N, C-alpha and C. Protein backbone atom coordinates (compact mmCIF):
# COMPACT_ATOMS: atom_id res chain seq x y z
N MET A 1 -49.36 -28.33 -8.46
CA MET A 1 -48.54 -27.21 -8.78
C MET A 1 -49.02 -26.62 -10.10
N LYS A 2 -49.19 -25.30 -10.12
CA LYS A 2 -49.69 -24.64 -11.32
C LYS A 2 -48.53 -24.34 -12.27
N THR A 3 -48.79 -24.47 -13.53
CA THR A 3 -47.79 -24.11 -14.53
C THR A 3 -48.20 -22.79 -15.15
N ALA A 4 -47.21 -22.07 -15.64
CA ALA A 4 -47.48 -20.78 -16.26
C ALA A 4 -48.22 -21.00 -17.58
N PRO A 5 -49.18 -20.16 -17.85
CA PRO A 5 -49.90 -20.33 -19.12
C PRO A 5 -48.99 -20.00 -20.29
N ASP A 6 -49.20 -20.67 -21.38
CA ASP A 6 -48.42 -20.41 -22.59
C ASP A 6 -48.75 -19.02 -23.12
N ILE A 7 -47.72 -18.30 -23.49
CA ILE A 7 -47.90 -16.96 -24.04
C ILE A 7 -47.77 -17.06 -25.55
N HIS A 8 -48.74 -16.53 -26.22
CA HIS A 8 -48.72 -16.57 -27.69
C HIS A 8 -47.88 -15.40 -28.21
N ILE A 9 -46.82 -15.73 -28.96
CA ILE A 9 -45.96 -14.72 -29.56
C ILE A 9 -46.26 -14.69 -31.05
N PRO A 10 -46.56 -13.50 -31.58
CA PRO A 10 -46.87 -13.42 -33.01
C PRO A 10 -45.68 -13.88 -33.86
N ASP A 11 -46.01 -14.40 -35.06
CA ASP A 11 -44.97 -14.92 -35.96
C ASP A 11 -43.99 -13.84 -36.38
N SER A 12 -44.46 -12.61 -36.57
CA SER A 12 -43.55 -11.54 -37.01
C SER A 12 -42.48 -11.26 -35.95
N ILE A 13 -42.85 -11.33 -34.68
CA ILE A 13 -41.87 -11.11 -33.60
C ILE A 13 -40.92 -12.29 -33.54
N SER A 14 -41.42 -13.48 -33.68
CA SER A 14 -40.56 -14.66 -33.65
C SER A 14 -39.53 -14.61 -34.76
N ARG A 15 -39.96 -14.21 -35.97
CA ARG A 15 -39.01 -14.10 -37.08
C ARG A 15 -37.98 -13.02 -36.81
N SER A 16 -38.40 -11.88 -36.25
CA SER A 16 -37.46 -10.79 -35.96
C SER A 16 -36.43 -11.23 -34.93
N VAL A 17 -36.87 -11.92 -33.91
CA VAL A 17 -35.95 -12.41 -32.88
C VAL A 17 -34.97 -13.39 -33.49
N ALA A 18 -35.43 -14.25 -34.34
CA ALA A 18 -34.55 -15.23 -34.99
C ALA A 18 -33.54 -14.53 -35.88
N GLN A 19 -33.96 -13.48 -36.61
CA GLN A 19 -33.03 -12.73 -37.46
C GLN A 19 -31.97 -12.03 -36.63
N VAL A 20 -32.38 -11.42 -35.52
CA VAL A 20 -31.40 -10.76 -34.63
C VAL A 20 -30.43 -11.78 -34.08
N GLU A 21 -30.94 -12.92 -33.65
CA GLU A 21 -30.08 -13.97 -33.11
C GLU A 21 -29.07 -14.45 -34.14
N ASN A 22 -29.50 -14.64 -35.38
CA ASN A 22 -28.57 -15.06 -36.44
C ASN A 22 -27.53 -13.98 -36.71
N CYS A 23 -27.97 -12.74 -36.73
CA CYS A 23 -27.03 -11.64 -36.98
C CYS A 23 -25.98 -11.55 -35.88
N VAL A 24 -26.41 -11.72 -34.62
CA VAL A 24 -25.47 -11.68 -33.49
C VAL A 24 -24.49 -12.84 -33.58
N ARG A 25 -24.95 -14.00 -33.98
CA ARG A 25 -24.04 -15.16 -34.11
C ARG A 25 -23.03 -14.96 -35.23
N LYS A 26 -23.45 -14.30 -36.31
CA LYS A 26 -22.54 -14.06 -37.42
C LYS A 26 -21.55 -12.94 -37.12
N ASN A 27 -21.97 -11.94 -36.35
CA ASN A 27 -21.13 -10.76 -36.06
C ASN A 27 -21.08 -10.49 -34.55
N PRO A 28 -20.36 -11.31 -33.78
CA PRO A 28 -20.35 -11.10 -32.33
C PRO A 28 -19.65 -9.79 -31.92
N GLY A 29 -18.60 -9.42 -32.64
CA GLY A 29 -17.90 -8.17 -32.30
C GLY A 29 -18.77 -6.95 -32.53
N GLY A 30 -19.45 -6.93 -33.65
CA GLY A 30 -20.34 -5.82 -33.95
C GLY A 30 -21.49 -5.76 -32.96
N ALA A 31 -22.00 -6.93 -32.57
CA ALA A 31 -23.10 -6.97 -31.60
C ALA A 31 -22.66 -6.41 -30.26
N MET A 32 -21.42 -6.71 -29.87
CA MET A 32 -20.91 -6.17 -28.61
C MET A 32 -20.77 -4.65 -28.69
N LEU A 33 -20.31 -4.15 -29.82
CA LEU A 33 -20.19 -2.70 -29.99
C LEU A 33 -21.56 -2.03 -29.96
N VAL A 34 -22.54 -2.63 -30.59
CA VAL A 34 -23.89 -2.07 -30.58
C VAL A 34 -24.44 -2.07 -29.15
N ALA A 35 -24.23 -3.17 -28.42
CA ALA A 35 -24.71 -3.25 -27.04
C ALA A 35 -24.03 -2.19 -26.17
N ALA A 36 -22.72 -2.01 -26.37
CA ALA A 36 -22.00 -0.99 -25.60
C ALA A 36 -22.52 0.41 -25.95
N GLY A 37 -22.77 0.65 -27.22
CA GLY A 37 -23.31 1.94 -27.64
C GLY A 37 -24.68 2.21 -27.04
N ILE A 38 -25.51 1.19 -27.01
CA ILE A 38 -26.84 1.35 -26.40
C ILE A 38 -26.70 1.64 -24.91
N GLY A 39 -25.74 0.99 -24.26
CA GLY A 39 -25.50 1.25 -22.84
C GLY A 39 -25.06 2.68 -22.59
N VAL A 40 -24.16 3.18 -23.44
CA VAL A 40 -23.69 4.56 -23.29
C VAL A 40 -24.83 5.55 -23.50
N VAL A 41 -25.64 5.30 -24.52
CA VAL A 41 -26.79 6.18 -24.79
C VAL A 41 -27.76 6.16 -23.61
N ALA A 42 -28.01 4.98 -23.05
CA ALA A 42 -28.90 4.88 -21.90
C ALA A 42 -28.35 5.64 -20.70
N MET A 43 -27.03 5.54 -20.48
CA MET A 43 -26.42 6.26 -19.37
C MET A 43 -26.54 7.77 -19.58
N LEU A 44 -26.26 8.23 -20.79
CA LEU A 44 -26.35 9.66 -21.07
C LEU A 44 -27.77 10.18 -20.91
N LEU A 45 -28.75 9.40 -21.37
CA LEU A 45 -30.14 9.79 -21.18
C LEU A 45 -30.52 9.85 -19.71
N THR A 46 -30.04 8.89 -18.94
CA THR A 46 -30.33 8.87 -17.52
C THR A 46 -29.76 10.10 -16.84
N ARG A 47 -28.53 10.45 -17.17
CA ARG A 47 -27.91 11.64 -16.57
C ARG A 47 -28.61 12.92 -17.01
N ALA A 48 -29.03 12.96 -18.27
CA ALA A 48 -29.68 14.17 -18.77
C ALA A 48 -31.05 14.37 -18.13
N LEU A 49 -31.73 13.28 -17.80
CA LEU A 49 -33.06 13.38 -17.23
C LEU A 49 -33.07 13.58 -15.72
N GLN A 50 -31.93 13.38 -15.06
CA GLN A 50 -31.88 13.59 -13.61
C GLN A 50 -31.91 15.08 -13.30
N PRO A 51 -32.60 15.46 -12.23
CA PRO A 51 -32.60 16.88 -11.86
C PRO A 51 -31.22 17.28 -11.34
N PRO A 52 -30.85 18.54 -11.53
CA PRO A 52 -29.53 18.97 -11.04
C PRO A 52 -29.53 18.95 -9.51
N PRO A 53 -28.34 18.79 -8.92
CA PRO A 53 -28.28 18.78 -7.46
C PRO A 53 -28.69 20.15 -6.92
N PRO A 54 -29.28 20.17 -5.75
CA PRO A 54 -29.71 21.45 -5.20
C PRO A 54 -28.49 22.33 -4.91
N PRO A 55 -28.64 23.64 -5.04
CA PRO A 55 -27.51 24.51 -4.76
C PRO A 55 -27.12 24.43 -3.28
N ARG A 56 -25.83 24.55 -3.03
CA ARG A 56 -25.34 24.48 -1.66
C ARG A 56 -25.69 25.76 -0.94
N SER A 57 -26.05 25.62 0.29
CA SER A 57 -26.39 26.79 1.08
C SER A 57 -25.11 27.50 1.52
N ARG A 58 -25.28 28.72 1.97
CA ARG A 58 -24.13 29.52 2.43
C ARG A 58 -23.49 28.85 3.64
N ALA A 59 -24.32 28.32 4.53
CA ALA A 59 -23.79 27.64 5.72
C ALA A 59 -22.96 26.43 5.33
N GLN A 60 -23.42 25.68 4.36
CA GLN A 60 -22.68 24.50 3.92
C GLN A 60 -21.34 24.90 3.31
N ARG A 61 -21.33 25.96 2.52
CA ARG A 61 -20.06 26.43 1.94
C ARG A 61 -19.10 26.89 3.04
N LEU A 62 -19.64 27.59 4.05
CA LEU A 62 -18.80 28.04 5.16
C LEU A 62 -18.23 26.85 5.93
N LEU A 63 -19.06 25.84 6.18
CA LEU A 63 -18.57 24.66 6.89
C LEU A 63 -17.48 23.93 6.10
N GLU A 64 -17.65 23.84 4.79
CA GLU A 64 -16.63 23.20 3.96
C GLU A 64 -15.34 24.00 3.99
N ASP A 65 -15.45 25.33 3.98
CA ASP A 65 -14.26 26.19 4.05
C ASP A 65 -13.55 26.01 5.39
N ILE A 66 -14.33 25.97 6.47
CA ILE A 66 -13.73 25.76 7.80
C ILE A 66 -13.04 24.41 7.86
N GLN A 67 -13.68 23.37 7.33
CA GLN A 67 -13.08 22.04 7.34
C GLN A 67 -11.77 22.03 6.55
N GLU A 68 -11.76 22.69 5.40
CA GLU A 68 -10.55 22.74 4.58
C GLU A 68 -9.43 23.46 5.32
N ARG A 69 -9.76 24.56 5.99
CA ARG A 69 -8.73 25.30 6.74
C ARG A 69 -8.23 24.50 7.93
N LEU A 70 -9.13 23.79 8.61
CA LEU A 70 -8.69 22.96 9.73
C LEU A 70 -7.77 21.84 9.26
N ASN A 71 -8.09 21.24 8.13
CA ASN A 71 -7.20 20.21 7.58
C ASN A 71 -5.82 20.78 7.27
N HIS A 72 -5.80 22.00 6.73
CA HIS A 72 -4.53 22.65 6.43
C HIS A 72 -3.75 22.90 7.73
N LEU A 73 -4.45 23.37 8.77
CA LEU A 73 -3.79 23.61 10.05
C LEU A 73 -3.25 22.32 10.66
N VAL A 74 -4.00 21.24 10.52
CA VAL A 74 -3.53 19.95 11.04
C VAL A 74 -2.26 19.52 10.32
N GLU A 75 -2.24 19.70 9.00
CA GLU A 75 -1.04 19.34 8.24
C GLU A 75 0.16 20.17 8.69
N GLN A 76 -0.07 21.49 8.86
CA GLN A 76 1.01 22.35 9.32
C GLN A 76 1.47 21.96 10.71
N GLY A 77 0.51 21.64 11.58
CA GLY A 77 0.86 21.23 12.94
C GLY A 77 1.65 19.96 12.97
N SER A 78 1.29 18.99 12.13
CA SER A 78 2.04 17.74 12.12
C SER A 78 3.46 17.96 11.58
N GLU A 79 3.59 18.84 10.60
CA GLU A 79 4.94 19.16 10.10
C GLU A 79 5.77 19.85 11.18
N ALA A 80 5.15 20.80 11.90
CA ALA A 80 5.87 21.50 12.97
C ALA A 80 6.26 20.52 14.07
N LEU A 81 5.37 19.60 14.40
CA LEU A 81 5.67 18.62 15.43
C LEU A 81 6.83 17.72 15.02
N SER A 82 6.85 17.29 13.75
CA SER A 82 7.96 16.44 13.32
C SER A 82 9.28 17.20 13.32
N HIS A 83 9.23 18.49 12.92
CA HIS A 83 10.46 19.29 12.97
C HIS A 83 10.89 19.49 14.42
N GLY A 84 9.93 19.70 15.32
CA GLY A 84 10.25 19.85 16.73
C GLY A 84 10.87 18.60 17.31
N MET A 85 10.34 17.44 16.95
CA MET A 85 10.89 16.18 17.45
C MET A 85 12.31 15.98 16.94
N GLU A 86 12.55 16.35 15.70
CA GLU A 86 13.91 16.25 15.17
C GLU A 86 14.85 17.16 15.93
N SER A 87 14.38 18.35 16.26
CA SER A 87 15.21 19.30 17.01
C SER A 87 15.51 18.77 18.40
N VAL A 88 14.52 18.18 19.06
CA VAL A 88 14.72 17.62 20.39
C VAL A 88 15.71 16.47 20.33
N GLU A 89 15.59 15.63 19.33
CA GLU A 89 16.53 14.53 19.18
C GLU A 89 17.94 15.05 18.98
N ASP A 90 18.07 16.12 18.20
CA ASP A 90 19.40 16.70 17.98
C ASP A 90 19.97 17.26 19.28
N LEU A 91 19.13 17.85 20.12
CA LEU A 91 19.60 18.39 21.39
C LEU A 91 20.14 17.29 22.29
N HIS A 92 19.46 16.18 22.36
CA HIS A 92 19.93 15.08 23.19
C HIS A 92 21.26 14.55 22.69
N LEU A 93 21.44 14.47 21.40
CA LEU A 93 22.72 14.01 20.87
C LEU A 93 23.83 14.98 21.22
N GLU A 94 23.52 16.27 21.12
CA GLU A 94 24.54 17.27 21.47
C GLU A 94 24.92 17.17 22.94
N ARG A 95 23.95 16.97 23.80
CA ARG A 95 24.24 16.84 25.24
C ARG A 95 25.12 15.63 25.50
N LYS A 96 24.82 14.53 24.86
CA LYS A 96 25.62 13.32 25.06
C LYS A 96 27.04 13.52 24.54
N LEU A 97 27.14 14.18 23.37
CA LEU A 97 28.48 14.43 22.83
C LEU A 97 29.26 15.39 23.72
N ASP A 98 28.58 16.38 24.30
CA ASP A 98 29.24 17.30 25.23
C ASP A 98 29.75 16.56 26.46
N LYS A 99 28.95 15.65 26.99
CA LYS A 99 29.37 14.88 28.16
C LYS A 99 30.60 14.03 27.84
N ILE A 100 30.59 13.41 26.68
CA ILE A 100 31.73 12.57 26.29
C ILE A 100 32.97 13.44 26.10
N ALA A 101 32.80 14.60 25.46
CA ALA A 101 33.94 15.49 25.25
C ALA A 101 34.50 15.98 26.58
N ARG A 102 33.63 16.33 27.53
CA ARG A 102 34.11 16.77 28.87
C ARG A 102 34.86 15.66 29.58
N SER A 103 34.33 14.45 29.50
CA SER A 103 35.00 13.36 30.19
C SER A 103 36.37 13.08 29.55
N LEU A 104 36.47 13.22 28.23
CA LEU A 104 37.77 13.04 27.58
C LEU A 104 38.73 14.14 27.97
N LYS A 105 38.25 15.38 28.07
CA LYS A 105 39.10 16.48 28.50
C LYS A 105 39.57 16.28 29.91
N ASN A 106 38.70 15.80 30.78
CA ASN A 106 39.06 15.56 32.19
C ASN A 106 40.10 14.46 32.32
N LEU A 107 40.09 13.50 31.41
CA LEU A 107 41.09 12.43 31.46
C LEU A 107 42.49 12.97 31.17
N PHE A 108 42.58 13.92 30.28
CA PHE A 108 43.91 14.43 29.89
C PHE A 108 44.34 15.63 30.69
N HIS A 109 43.52 16.19 31.53
CA HIS A 109 43.93 17.36 32.36
C HIS A 109 44.22 16.97 33.76
């Protein structure tokens, strides 16, 4: 089995890494803030360097408009259907109450 060759790290880099490590151990809160700041800067740079999205075509805008209107019609239709069902339920109750009232009238006449 082959082992990885040893990589020579210059003394100046080793000292810098050790200094950073000591600083992070002494100030963990500050190190977290610095890391978060670097992350935010990296995200902003990434967004700034991305090309803008291509402009939407006229057909795409029309399709989105049609979809939005159809959704609105579906909502209106479902509301109308629920109101219609309530009305039908009310009609059946009225018919039953009418039948009961007629039968009571017939008992006393």
